[in-house]
C-alpha atoms as a PDB file:
ATOM      1  CA  UNK A   1       8.285   7.530  24.641  1.00  0.00           C
ATOM      2  CA  UNK A   2       8.544   5.405  21.492  1.00  0.00           C
ATOM      3  CA  UNK A   3      10.816   6.579  18.687  1.00  0.00           C
ATOM      4  CA  UNK A   4      10.678   5.415  15.075  1.00  0.00           C
ATOM      5  CA  UNK A   5      11.007   6.782  11.552  1.00  0.00           C
ATOM      6  CA  UNK A   6       7.740   7.673   9.823  1.00  0.00           C
ATOM      7  CA  UNK A   7       7.899   8.417   6.100  1.00  0.00           C
ATOM      8  CA  UNK A   8      11.563   9.367   6.391  1.00  0.00           C
ATOM      9  CA  UNK A   9      11.265  11.544   9.521  1.00  0.00           C
ATOM     10  CA  UNK A  10      12.310  10.557  13.025  1.00  0.00           C
ATOM     11  CA  UNK A  11       9.218  10.808  15.255  1.00  0.00           C
ATOM     12  CA  UNK A  12       8.295  10.188  18.860  1.00  0.00           C
ATOM     13  CA  UNK A  13       5.048   8.735  20.121  1.00  0.00           C
ATOM     14  CA  UNK A  14       3.750   9.214  23.641  1.00  0.00           C
ATOM     15  CA  UNK A  15       0.916   6.750  23.053  1.00  0.00           C
ATOM     16  CA  UNK A  16       0.518   3.670  25.210  1.00  0.00           C
ATOM     17  CA  UNK A  17       2.953   0.946  24.029  1.00  0.00           C
ATOM     18  CA  UNK A  18       0.113  -1.481  23.220  1.00  0.00           C
ATOM     19  CA  UNK A  19      -1.742   1.025  21.018  1.00  0.00           C
ATOM     20  CA  UNK A  20      -1.945  -0.363  17.470  1.00  0.00           C
ATOM     21  CA  UNK A  21       0.388   1.386  15.058  1.00  0.00           C
ATOM     22  CA  UNK A  22      -2.571   2.164  12.785  1.00  0.00           C
ATOM     23  CA  UNK A  23      -4.186   4.362  15.446  1.00  0.00           C
ATOM     24  CA  UNK A  24      -0.919   6.065  16.362  1.00  0.00           C
ATOM     25  CA  UNK A  25      -0.322   6.978  12.709  1.00  0.00           C
ATOM     26  CA  UNK A  26      -3.931   8.059  12.084  1.00  0.00           C
ATOM     27  CA  UNK A  27      -4.680   9.832  15.371  1.00  0.00           C
ATOM     28  CA  UNK A  28      -1.363  11.113  16.687  1.00  0.00           C
ATOM     29  CA  UNK A  29       0.335  11.888  13.362  1.00  0.00           C
ATOM     30  CA  UNK A  30      -2.861  12.707  11.395  1.00  0.00           C
ATOM     31  CA  UNK A  31      -1.982  10.495   8.418  1.00  0.00           C
ATOM     32  CA  UNK A  32      -5.355   9.122   7.378  1.00  0.00           C
ATOM     33  CA  UNK A  33      -4.459   7.148   4.231  1.00  0.00           C
ATOM     34  CA  UNK A  34      -4.201   3.774   5.951  1.00  0.00           C
ATOM     35  CA  UNK A  35      -7.628   2.439   6.851  1.00  0.00           C
ATOM     36  CA  UNK A  36      -9.178   0.341   9.590  1.00  0.00           C
ATOM     37  CA  UNK A  37     -10.968  -2.589   8.013  1.00  0.00           C
ATOM     38  CA  UNK A  38     -11.234  -5.626  10.234  1.00  0.00           C
ATOM     39  CA  UNK A  39      -8.977  -5.110  13.243  1.00  0.00           C
ATOM     40  CA  UNK A  40      -7.695  -8.688  12.889  1.00  0.00           C
ATOM     41  CA  UNK A  41      -4.974  -8.332  10.199  1.00  0.00           C
ATOM     42  CA  UNK A  42      -7.188 -10.196   7.709  1.00  0.00           C
ATOM     43  CA  UNK A  43      -8.278  -7.611   5.128  1.00  0.00           C
ATOM     44  CA  UNK A  44      -5.127  -5.593   4.326  1.00  0.00           C
ATOM     45  CA  UNK A  45      -6.681  -2.102   4.466  1.00  0.00           C
ATOM     46  CA  UNK A  46      -4.188  -1.091   7.190  1.00  0.00           C
ATOM     47  CA  UNK A  47      -1.037  -2.292   5.385  1.00  0.00           C
ATOM     48  CA  UNK A  48       2.094  -0.214   5.907  1.00  0.00           C
ATOM     49  CA  UNK A  49       5.760  -0.956   5.280  1.00  0.00           C
ATOM     50  CA  UNK A  50       7.815  -1.744   8.366  1.00  0.00           C
ATOM     51  CA  UNK A  51      11.477  -1.810   7.399  1.00  0.00           C
ATOM     52  CA  UNK A  52      10.362  -2.291   3.784  1.00  0.00           C
ATOM     53  CA  UNK A  53       8.042  -5.246   4.377  1.00  0.00           C
ATOM     54  CA  UNK A  54       4.252  -5.100   4.092  1.00  0.00           C
ATOM     55  CA  UNK A  55       2.742  -5.504   7.556  1.00  0.00           C
ATOM     56  CA  UNK A  56      -0.738  -5.142   9.009  1.00  0.00           C
ATOM     57  CA  UNK A  57      -0.700  -2.133  11.338  1.00  0.00           C
ATOM     58  CA  UNK A  58      -4.075  -2.748  13.013  1.00  0.00           C
ATOM     59  CA  UNK A  59      -2.613  -5.450  15.253  1.00  0.00           C
ATOM     60  CA  UNK A  60       0.972  -4.193  15.491  1.00  0.00           C
ATOM     61  CA  UNK A  61       1.579  -2.508  18.859  1.00  0.00           C
ATOM     62  CA  UNK A  62       3.510   0.729  18.465  1.00  0.00           C
ATOM     63  CA  UNK A  63       6.104  -0.617  20.930  1.00  0.00           C
ATOM     64  CA  UNK A  64       7.051  -3.222  18.297  1.00  0.00           C
ATOM     65  CA  UNK A  65       8.320  -0.549  15.890  1.00  0.00           C
ATOM     66  CA  UNK A  66      10.890   1.128  18.142  1.00  0.00           C
ATOM     67  CA  UNK A  67      13.834   2.109  15.935  1.00  0.00           C
ATOM     68  CA  UNK A  68      12.145   0.846  12.776  1.00  0.00           C
ATOM     69  CA  UNK A  69      11.261   2.632   9.567  1.00  0.00           C
ATOM     70  CA  UNK A  70       7.543   2.928   8.786  1.00  0.00           C
ATOM     71  CA  UNK A  71       6.233   3.978   5.381  1.00  0.00           C
ATOM     72  CA  UNK A  72       2.562   4.766   4.853  1.00  0.00           C
ATOM     73  CA  UNK A  73       0.745   5.492   1.611  1.00  0.00           C
ATOM     74  CA  UNK A  74       1.485   9.192   2.216  1.00  0.00           C
ATOM     75  CA  UNK A  75       5.213   8.382   2.139  1.00  0.00           C
ATOM     76  CA  UNK A  76       5.057   6.373  -1.073  1.00  0.00           C
ATOM     77  CA  UNK A  77       4.346   9.240  -3.443  1.00  0.00           C
ATOM     78  CA  UNK A  78       2.887  12.730  -3.561  1.00  0.00           C
ATOM     79  CA  UNK A  79       0.132  14.269  -5.691  1.00  0.00           C
ATOM     80  CA  UNK A  80       2.861  16.000  -7.713  1.00  0.00           C
ATOM     81  CA  UNK A  81       5.124  12.946  -7.906  1.00  0.00           C
ATOM     82  CA  UNK A  82       3.070   9.757  -7.891  1.00  0.00           C
ATOM     83  CA  UNK A  83       4.675   6.402  -7.237  1.00  0.00           C
ATOM     84  CA  UNK A  84       4.485   4.286 -10.435  1.00  0.00           C
ATOM     85  CA  UNK A  85       1.856   2.070  -8.774  1.00  0.00           C
ATOM     86  CA  UNK A  86      -0.299   5.077  -7.893  1.00  0.00           C
ATOM     87  CA  UNK A  87      -0.038   6.223 -11.515  1.00  0.00           C
ATOM     88  CA  UNK A  88      -0.919   2.753 -12.814  1.00  0.00           C
ATOM     89  CA  UNK A  89      -3.863   2.568 -10.394  1.00  0.00           C
ATOM     90  CA  UNK A  90      -5.242   5.784 -11.892  1.00  0.00           C
ATOM     91  CA  UNK A  91      -4.536   4.742 -15.486  1.00  0.00           C
ATOM     92  CA  UNK A  92      -6.227   1.363 -14.986  1.00  0.00           C
ATOM     93  CA  UNK A  93      -9.223   2.872 -13.180  1.00  0.00           C
ATOM     94  CA  UNK A  94      -8.645   0.541 -10.236  1.00  0.00           C
ATOM     95  CA  UNK A  95     -10.355   2.402  -7.385  1.00  0.00           C
ATOM     96  CA  UNK A  96     -14.085   2.312  -7.005  1.00  0.00           C
ATOM     97  CA  UNK A  97     -14.987   2.937  -3.382  1.00  0.00           C
ATOM     98  CA  UNK A  98     -11.251   3.353  -2.691  1.00  0.00           C
ATOM     99  CA  UNK A  99     -11.318   2.028   0.856  1.00  0.00           C
ATOM    100  CA  UNK A 100      -8.815  -0.784   0.326  1.00  0.00           C
ATOM    101  CA  UNK A 101      -6.573   1.027  -2.121  1.00  0.00           C
ATOM    102  CA  UNK A 102      -3.836   2.271   0.222  1.00  0.00           C
ATOM    103  CA  UNK A 103      -3.358  -1.244   1.596  1.00  0.00           C
ATOM    104  CA  UNK A 104      -3.464  -2.755  -1.886  1.00  0.00           C
ATOM    105  CA  UNK A 105      -0.839  -0.296  -3.181  1.00  0.00           C
ATOM    106  CA  UNK A 106       1.418  -0.798  -0.151  1.00  0.00           C
ATOM    107  CA  UNK A 107       1.277  -4.591  -0.582  1.00  0.00           C
ATOM    108  CA  UNK A 108       1.972  -4.250  -4.306  1.00  0.00           C
ATOM    109  CA  UNK A 109       4.920  -1.910  -3.662  1.00  0.00           C
ATOM    110  CA  UNK A 110       6.438  -4.395  -1.204  1.00  0.00           C
ATOM    111  CA  UNK A 111       5.998  -7.172  -3.768  1.00  0.00           C
ATOM    112  CA  UNK A 112       7.733  -5.181  -6.522  1.00  0.00           C
ATOM    113  CA  UNK A 113      10.542  -4.176  -4.154  1.00  0.00           C
ATOM    114  CA  UNK A 114      11.207  -7.852  -3.432  1.00  0.00           C
ATOM    115  CA  UNK A 115      10.430  -9.159  -6.919  1.00  0.00           C
ATOM    116  CA  UNK A 116      10.541  -6.508  -9.666  1.00  0.00           C
ATOM    117  CA  UNK A 117       9.315  -8.944 -12.336  1.00  0.00           C
ATOM    118  CA  UNK A 118       6.631 -11.167 -10.780  1.00  0.00           C
ATOM    119  CA  UNK A 119       4.526 -13.640 -12.716  1.00  0.00           C
ATOM    120  CA  UNK A 120       0.730 -13.412 -12.646  1.00  0.00           C
ATOM    121  CA  UNK A 121       0.670 -16.254 -10.119  1.00  0.00           C
ATOM    122  CA  UNK A 122       3.179 -14.461  -7.880  1.00  0.00           C
ATOM    123  CA  UNK A 123       1.082 -11.272  -7.996  1.00  0.00           C
ATOM    124  CA  UNK A 124      -2.042 -13.241  -7.111  1.00  0.00           C
ATOM    125  CA  UNK A 125      -0.273 -14.977  -4.206  1.00  0.00           C
ATOM    126  CA  UNK A 126       1.231 -11.747  -2.842  1.00  0.00           C
ATOM    127  CA  UNK A 127      -2.069  -9.883  -3.046  1.00  0.00           C
ATOM    128  CA  UNK A 128      -4.280 -12.706  -1.735  1.00  0.00           C
ATOM    129  CA  UNK A 129      -4.453 -11.193   1.756  1.00  0.00           C
ATOM    130  CA  UNK A 130      -5.917  -7.910   0.523  1.00  0.00           C
ATOM    131  CA  UNK A 131      -9.681  -7.796   0.246  1.00  0.00           C
ATOM    132  CA  UNK A 132     -11.437  -5.526  -2.262  1.00  0.00           C
ATOM    133  CA  UNK A 133     -15.168  -5.320  -1.652  1.00  0.00           C
ATOM    134  CA  UNK A 134     -15.671  -3.881  -5.127  1.00  0.00           C
ATOM    135  CA  UNK A 135     -13.985  -6.818  -6.873  1.00  0.00           C
ATOM    136  CA  UNK A 136     -11.307  -4.823  -8.703  1.00  0.00           C
ATOM    137  CA  UNK A 137      -8.836  -7.731  -8.631  1.00  0.00           C
ATOM    138  CA  UNK A 138      -8.296  -7.987 -12.427  1.00  0.00           C
ATOM    139  CA  UNK A 139      -7.467  -4.269 -12.678  1.00  0.00           C
ATOM    140  CA  UNK A 140      -5.234  -4.454  -9.586  1.00  0.00           C
ATOM    141  CA  UNK A 141      -3.279  -7.317 -11.152  1.00  0.00           C
ATOM    142  CA  UNK A 142      -3.031  -5.481 -14.485  1.00  0.00           C
ATOM    143  CA  UNK A 143      -1.736  -2.331 -12.767  1.00  0.00           C
ATOM    144  CA  UNK A 144       0.948  -4.278 -10.886  1.00  0.00           C
ATOM    145  CA  UNK A 145       2.066  -6.205 -13.973  1.00  0.00           C
ATOM    146  CA  UNK A 146       2.132  -2.972 -16.002  1.00  0.00           C
ATOM    147  CA  UNK A 147       4.471  -1.333 -13.484  1.00  0.00           C
ATOM    148  CA  UNK A 148       6.643  -4.453 -13.391  1.00  0.00           C
ATOM    149  CA  UNK A 149       6.866  -4.510 -17.177  1.00  0.00           C
ATOM    150  CA  UNK A 150       7.646  -0.798 -17.419  1.00  0.00           C
ATOM    151  CA  UNK A 151      10.407  -1.096 -14.814  1.00  0.00           C
ATOM    152  CA  UNK A 152      12.364  -3.630 -16.859  1.00  0.00           C
ATOM    153  CA  UNK A 153      15.500  -2.395 -18.653  1.00  0.00           C
ATOM    154  CA  UNK A 154      14.690  -0.976 -22.065  1.00  0.00           C
ATOM    155  CA  UNK A 155      10.985  -0.692 -21.365  1.00  0.00           C
ATOM    156  CA  UNK A 156       9.135   2.146 -23.028  1.00  0.00           C
ATOM    157  CA  UNK A 157       6.945   4.147 -20.635  1.00  0.00           C
ATOM    158  CA  UNK A 158       3.464   4.363 -22.098  1.00  0.00           C
ATOM    159  CA  UNK A 159       0.217   5.502 -20.578  1.00  0.00           C
ATOM    160  CA  UNK A 160      -2.305   2.691 -20.586  1.00  0.00           C
ATOM    161  CA  UNK A 161      -5.802   3.901 -21.466  1.00  0.00           C
ATOM    162  CA  UNK A 162      -8.388   3.470 -18.755  1.00  0.00           C
ATOM    163  CA  UNK A 163     -10.855   0.664 -19.472  1.00  0.00           C
ATOM    164  CA  UNK A 164     -14.196   1.859 -20.734  1.00  0.00           C
ATOM    165  CA  UNK A 165     -17.265   0.149 -19.427  1.00  0.00           C
ATOM    166  CA  UNK A 166     -20.054  -0.602 -21.809  1.00  0.00           C
ATOM    167  CA  UNK A 167     -23.559   0.406 -20.872  1.00  0.00           C
ATOM    168  CA  UNK A 168     -26.185  -2.235 -21.439  1.00  0.00           C
END
């Protein structure tokens, strides 16, 4: 039996110790927000927080998280109480297909936890390991920088209008 904290709750897994954390979370605990993308820790779709740090769960054996705290996208916010990044994602119209979004948001949240006021270059570097097939990188960066700016002391919280695409 493998014991760890999942989204704030102490849980036990009876899965094989070498089972990737992603599959334990998705199949045994029925949390489907984190996605399988590449299976090689290269695309970022499976990103979760392990003790507050963004980690790829598709290659992380569940035995490696004994006693650790795991946060998935489901533990970041709720539909009634969105995390600021989830709100910014919606306001900026970031998701298209949506497949990479949980991993993108989890990586962005880890970045802002470590560096609440990153530069554009720091955002780009931190997010470089997350692939978006739809090419939403400019909106992802804008959403992250918006949250960073709004979290600074004295910042005024304003809703950013969603970009409007022009039809040609």
